Amino acid sequence: MSAVGAPARVDDGVYRIHWVPGTDRLLAVCFCGEEREFEDPVELWDWLLAHPEHGA
């Protein structure tokens, strides 16, 4: 079990998007477990849907 507020690794084919409290940022979590923060939701979805070639 992960700490409160910390996203857990998921292998169920589901993308997760978490709001980062106190900011205007979103945390994208791919089903492969890779994570990245974004301000722009369009960039977030472009990154998620680029799996498996997320790029840094």
PDB file of N, CA and C in Angstrom:
ATOM      1  N   MET A   1       0.844  -1.181   0.000  1.00  0.00           N
ATOM      2  CA  MET A   1       0.000   0.000   0.000  1.00  0.00           C
ATOM      3  C   MET A   1       0.883   1.236   0.000  1.00  0.00           C
ATOM      4  N   SER A   2       0.530   2.229  -0.777  1.00  0.00           N
ATOM      5  CA  SER A   2       1.345   3.438  -0.868  1.00  0.00           C
ATOM      6  C   SER A   2       0.897   4.463   0.176  1.00  0.00           C
ATOM      7  N   ALA A   3       1.758   5.456   0.399  1.00  0.00           N
ATOM      8  CA  ALA A   3       1.449   6.527   1.350  1.00  0.00           C
ATOM      9  C   ALA A   3       0.261   7.339   0.846  1.00  0.00           C
ATOM     10  N   VAL A   4      -0.429   7.974   1.749  1.00  0.00           N
ATOM     11  CA  VAL A   4      -1.581   8.796   1.394  1.00  0.00           C
ATOM     12  C   VAL A   4      -1.152   9.867   0.395  1.00  0.00           C
ATOM     13  N   GLY A   5      -1.871   9.975  -0.706  1.00  0.00           N
ATOM     14  CA  GLY A   5      -1.572  10.978  -1.724  1.00  0.00           C
ATOM     15  C   GLY A   5      -0.538  10.540  -2.743  1.00  0.00           C
ATOM     16  N   ALA A   6       0.167   9.447  -2.466  1.00  0.00           N
ATOM     17  CA  ALA A   6       1.180   8.963  -3.398  1.00  0.00           C
ATOM     18  C   ALA A   6       0.543   7.954  -4.340  1.00  0.00           C
ATOM     19  N   PRO A   7       0.661   8.162  -5.650  1.00  0.00           N
ATOM     20  CA  PRO A   7       0.065   7.213  -6.579  1.00  0.00           C
ATOM     21  C   PRO A   7       0.791   5.883  -6.540  1.00  0.00           C
ATOM     22  N   ALA A   8       0.048   4.814  -6.634  1.00  0.00           N
ATOM     23  CA  ALA A   8       0.633   3.477  -6.638  1.00  0.00           C
ATOM     24  C   ALA A   8       0.897   3.031  -8.071  1.00  0.00           C
ATOM     25  N   ARG A   9       1.867   2.172  -8.241  1.00  0.00           N
ATOM     26  CA  ARG A   9       2.142   1.589  -9.556  1.00  0.00           C
ATOM     27  C   ARG A   9       0.931   0.767  -9.967  1.00  0.00           C
ATOM     28  N   VAL A  10       0.528   0.923 -11.207  1.00  0.00           N
ATOM     29  CA  VAL A  10      -0.632   0.194 -11.705  1.00  0.00           C
ATOM     30  C   VAL A  10      -0.240  -0.567 -12.963  1.00  0.00           C
ATOM     31  N   ASP A  11      -0.731  -1.777 -13.093  1.00  0.00           N
ATOM     32  CA  ASP A  11      -0.475  -2.593 -14.278  1.00  0.00           C
ATOM     33  C   ASP A  11      -1.779  -3.058 -14.893  1.00  0.00           C
ATOM     34  N   ASP A  12      -2.832  -2.282 -14.718  1.00  0.00           N
ATOM     35  CA  ASP A  12      -4.149  -2.705 -15.168  1.00  0.00           C
ATOM     36  C   ASP A  12      -4.584  -2.057 -16.481  1.00  0.00           C
ATOM     37  N   GLY A  13      -3.662  -1.383 -17.178  1.00  0.00           N
ATOM     38  CA  GLY A  13      -4.006  -0.737 -18.435  1.00  0.00           C
ATOM     39  C   GLY A  13      -4.775   0.554 -18.267  1.00  0.00           C
ATOM     40  N   VAL A  14      -4.786   1.095 -17.058  1.00  0.00           N
ATOM     41  CA  VAL A  14      -5.543   2.317 -16.768  1.00  0.00           C
ATOM     42  C   VAL A  14      -4.573   3.470 -16.572  1.00  0.00           C
ATOM     43  N   TYR A  15      -4.869   4.582 -17.219  1.00  0.00           N
ATOM     44  CA  TYR A  15      -4.108   5.798 -16.995  1.00  0.00           C
ATOM     45  C   TYR A  15      -4.714   6.511 -15.799  1.00  0.00           C
ATOM     46  N   ARG A  16      -3.886   7.149 -14.978  1.00  0.00           N
ATOM     47  CA  ARG A  16      -4.384   7.891 -13.825  1.00  0.00           C
ATOM     48  C   ARG A  16      -3.857   9.321 -13.896  1.00  0.00           C
ATOM     49  N   ILE A  17      -4.700  10.254 -13.504  1.00  0.00           N
ATOM     50  CA  ILE A  17      -4.313  11.659 -13.460  1.00  0.00           C
ATOM     51  C   ILE A  17      -4.683  12.183 -12.090  1.00  0.00           C
ATOM     52  N   HIS A  18      -3.677  12.722 -11.396  1.00  0.00           N
ATOM     53  CA  HIS A  18      -3.880  13.247 -10.050  1.00  0.00           C
ATOM     54  C   HIS A  18      -3.608  14.739 -10.057  1.00  0.00           C
ATOM     55  N   TRP A  19      -4.436  15.491  -9.373  1.00  0.00           N
ATOM     56  CA  TRP A  19      -4.177  16.907  -9.156  1.00  0.00           C
ATOM     57  C   TRP A  19      -3.138  17.014  -8.048  1.00  0.00           C
ATOM     58  N   VAL A  20      -2.137  17.867  -8.231  1.00  0.00           N
ATOM     59  CA  VAL A  20      -1.116  18.096  -7.213  1.00  0.00           C
ATOM     60  C   VAL A  20      -1.635  19.222  -6.325  1.00  0.00           C
ATOM     61  N   PRO A  21      -2.070  18.904  -5.094  1.00  0.00           N
ATOM     62  CA  PRO A  21      -2.673  19.912  -4.207  1.00  0.00           C
ATOM     63  C   PRO A  21      -1.783  21.141  -4.018  1.00  0.00           C
ATOM     64  N   GLY A  22      -2.419  22.295  -4.027  1.00  0.00           N
ATOM     65  CA  GLY A  22      -1.703  23.547  -3.831  1.00  0.00           C
ATOM     66  C   GLY A  22      -1.035  24.077  -5.080  1.00  0.00           C
ATOM     67  N   THR A  23      -1.253  23.416  -6.219  1.00  0.00           N
ATOM     68  CA  THR A  23      -0.637  23.841  -7.481  1.00  0.00           C
ATOM     69  C   THR A  23      -1.678  23.799  -8.592  1.00  0.00           C
ATOM     70  N   ASP A  24      -1.262  24.229  -9.774  1.00  0.00           N
ATOM     71  CA  ASP A  24      -2.083  24.095 -10.978  1.00  0.00           C
ATOM     72  C   ASP A  24      -1.567  22.945 -11.834  1.00  0.00           C
ATOM     73  N   ARG A  25      -0.849  22.031 -11.219  1.00  0.00           N
ATOM     74  CA  ARG A  25      -0.209  20.950 -11.951  1.00  0.00           C
ATOM     75  C   ARG A  25      -0.987  19.648 -11.813  1.00  0.00           C
ATOM     76  N   LEU A  26      -0.827  18.790 -12.826  1.00  0.00           N
ATOM     77  CA  LEU A  26      -1.429  17.465 -12.833  1.00  0.00           C
ATOM     78  C   LEU A  26      -0.330  16.420 -12.925  1.00  0.00           C
ATOM     79  N   LEU A  27      -0.481  15.333 -12.204  1.00  0.00           N
ATOM     80  CA  LEU A  27       0.466  14.225 -12.243  1.00  0.00           C
ATOM     81  C   LEU A  27      -0.143  13.110 -13.070  1.00  0.00           C
ATOM     82  N   ALA A  28       0.502  12.786 -14.176  1.00  0.00           N
ATOM     83  CA  ALA A  28       0.053  11.696 -15.042  1.00  0.00           C
ATOM     84  C   ALA A  28       0.783  10.435 -14.626  1.00  0.00           C
ATOM     85  N   VAL A  29       0.036   9.340 -14.504  1.00  0.00           N
ATOM     86  CA  VAL A  29       0.614   8.041 -14.166  1.00  0.00           C
ATOM     87  C   VAL A  29       0.178   7.061 -15.240  1.00  0.00           C
ATOM     88  N   CYS A  30       1.144   6.595 -16.012  1.00  0.00           N
ATOM     89  CA  CYS A  30       0.862   5.621 -17.056  1.00  0.00           C
ATOM     90  C   CYS A  30       0.673   4.246 -16.415  1.00  0.00           C
ATOM     91  N   PHE A  31      -0.017   3.362 -17.108  1.00  0.00           N
ATOM     92  CA  PHE A  31      -0.203   2.019 -16.576  1.00  0.00           C
ATOM     93  C   PHE A  31       1.110   1.264 -16.437  1.00  0.00           C
ATOM     94  N   CYS A  32       2.182   1.734 -17.091  1.00  0.00           N
ATOM     95  CA  CYS A  32       3.488   1.090 -16.962  1.00  0.00           C
ATOM     96  C   CYS A  32       4.209   1.536 -15.687  1.00  0.00           C
ATOM     97  N   GLY A  33       3.659   2.550 -15.009  1.00  0.00           N
ATOM     98  CA  GLY A  33       4.257   3.021 -13.758  1.00  0.00           C
ATOM     99  C   GLY A  33       5.042   4.305 -13.898  1.00  0.00           C
ATOM    100  N   GLU A  34       5.324   4.734 -15.136  1.00  0.00           N
ATOM    101  CA  GLU A  34       6.051   5.985 -15.340  1.00  0.00           C
ATOM    102  C   GLU A  34       5.150   7.170 -14.988  1.00  0.00           C
ATOM    103  N   GLU A  35       5.741   8.199 -14.363  1.00  0.00           N
ATOM    104  CA  GLU A  35       4.991   9.372 -13.913  1.00  0.00           C
ATOM    105  C   GLU A  35       5.642  10.649 -14.423  1.00  0.00           C
ATOM    106  N   ARG A  36       4.807  11.691 -14.608  1.00  0.00           N
ATOM    107  CA  ARG A  36       5.325  13.006 -15.003  1.00  0.00           C
ATOM    108  C   ARG A  36       4.285  14.065 -14.678  1.00  0.00           C
ATOM    109  N   GLU A  37       4.749  15.247 -14.245  1.00  0.00           N
ATOM    110  CA  GLU A  37       3.849  16.361 -13.937  1.00  0.00           C
ATOM    111  C   GLU A  37       3.707  17.282 -15.136  1.00  0.00           C
ATOM    112  N   PHE A  38       2.498  17.853 -15.273  1.00  0.00           N
ATOM    113  CA  PHE A  38       2.182  18.753 -16.375  1.00  0.00           C
ATOM    114  C   PHE A  38       1.336  19.913 -15.880  1.00  0.00           C
ATOM    115  N   GLU A  39       1.424  21.033 -16.585  1.00  0.00           N
ATOM    116  CA  GLU A  39       0.506  22.153 -16.382  1.00  0.00           C
ATOM    117  C   GLU A  39      -0.582  22.133 -17.450  1.00  0.00           C
ATOM    118  N   ASP A  40      -0.243  21.651 -18.631  1.00  0.00           N
ATOM    119  CA  ASP A  40      -1.160  21.651 -19.773  1.00  0.00           C
ATOM    120  C   ASP A  40      -1.778  20.260 -19.947  1.00  0.00           C
ATOM    121  N   PRO A  41      -3.114  20.142 -19.822  1.00  0.00           N
ATOM    122  CA  PRO A  41      -3.744  18.828 -19.967  1.00  0.00           C
ATOM    123  C   PRO A  41      -3.573  18.208 -21.356  1.00  0.00           C
ATOM    124  N   VAL A  42      -3.442  19.031 -22.390  1.00  0.00           N
ATOM    125  CA  VAL A  42      -3.239  18.482 -23.735  1.00  0.00           C
ATOM    126  C   VAL A  42      -1.876  17.799 -23.811  1.00  0.00           C
ATOM    127  N   GLU A  43      -0.844  18.431 -23.291  1.00  0.00           N
ATOM    128  CA  GLU A  43       0.489  17.816 -23.258  1.00  0.00           C
ATOM    129  C   GLU A  43       0.467  16.542 -22.429  1.00  0.00           C
ATOM    130  N   LEU A  44      -0.274  16.562 -21.330  1.00  0.00           N
ATOM    131  CA  LEU A  44      -0.390  15.385 -20.467  1.00  0.00           C
ATOM    132  C   LEU A  44      -0.933  14.203 -21.266  1.00  0.00           C
ATOM    133  N   TRP A  45      -2.037  14.400 -21.982  1.00  0.00           N
ATOM    134  CA  TRP A  45      -2.631  13.303 -22.745  1.00  0.00           C
ATOM    135  C   TRP A  45      -1.757  12.876 -23.910  1.00  0.00           C
ATOM    136  N   ASP A  46      -1.095  13.827 -24.557  1.00  0.00           N
ATOM    137  CA  ASP A  46      -0.153  13.454 -25.626  1.00  0.00           C
ATOM    138  C   ASP A  46       0.921  12.534 -25.080  1.00  0.00           C
ATOM    139  N   TRP A  47       1.434  12.852 -23.901  1.00  0.00           N
ATOM    140  CA  TRP A  47       2.478  12.045 -23.272  1.00  0.00           C
ATOM    141  C   TRP A  47       1.941  10.657 -22.900  1.00  0.00           C
ATOM    142  N   LEU A  48       0.776  10.614 -22.266  1.00  0.00           N
ATOM    143  CA  LEU A  48       0.211   9.325 -21.860  1.00  0.00           C
ATOM    144  C   LEU A  48      -0.047   8.426 -23.067  1.00  0.00           C
ATOM    145  N   LEU A  49      -0.632   8.993 -24.111  1.00  0.00           N
ATOM    146  CA  LEU A  49      -0.997   8.184 -25.263  1.00  0.00           C
ATOM    147  C   LEU A  49       0.195   7.802 -26.135  1.00  0.00           C
ATOM    148  N   ALA A  50       1.365   8.357 -25.861  1.00  0.00           N
ATOM    149  CA  ALA A  50       2.574   8.014 -26.596  1.00  0.00           C
ATOM    150  C   ALA A  50       3.223   6.723 -26.075  1.00  0.00           C
ATOM    151  N   HIS A  51       2.608   6.083 -25.077  1.00  0.00           N
ATOM    152  CA  HIS A  51       3.163   4.852 -24.514  1.00  0.00           C
ATOM    153  C   HIS A  51       3.400   3.848 -25.623  1.00  0.00           C
ATOM    154  N   PRO A  52       4.502   3.156 -25.681  1.00  0.00           N
ATOM    155  CA  PRO A  52       5.561   3.055 -24.680  1.00  0.00           C
ATOM    156  C   PRO A  52       6.705   4.025 -24.896  1.00  0.00           C
ATOM    157  N   GLU A  53       6.588   4.930 -25.833  1.00  0.00           N
ATOM    158  CA  GLU A  53       7.676   5.865 -26.129  1.00  0.00           C
ATOM    159  C   GLU A  53       7.401   7.226 -25.520  1.00  0.00           C
ATOM    160  N   HIS A  54       7.353   7.296 -24.200  1.00  0.00           N
ATOM    161  CA  HIS A  54       7.034   8.538 -23.523  1.00  0.00           C
ATOM    162  C   HIS A  54       8.035   9.650 -23.814  1.00  0.00           C
ATOM    163  N   GLY A  55       9.296   9.306 -23.792  1.00  0.00           N
ATOM    164  CA  GLY A  55      10.315  10.342 -23.939  1.00  0.00           C
ATOM    165  C   GLY A  55      10.346  11.221 -22.697  1.00  0.00           C
ATOM    166  N   ALA A  56      11.472  11.789 -22.402  1.00  0.00           N
ATOM    167  CA  ALA A  56      11.611  12.559 -21.163  1.00  0.00           C
ATOM    168  C   ALA A  56      11.352  14.015 -21.339  1.00  0.00           C
TER     169      ALA A  56
END
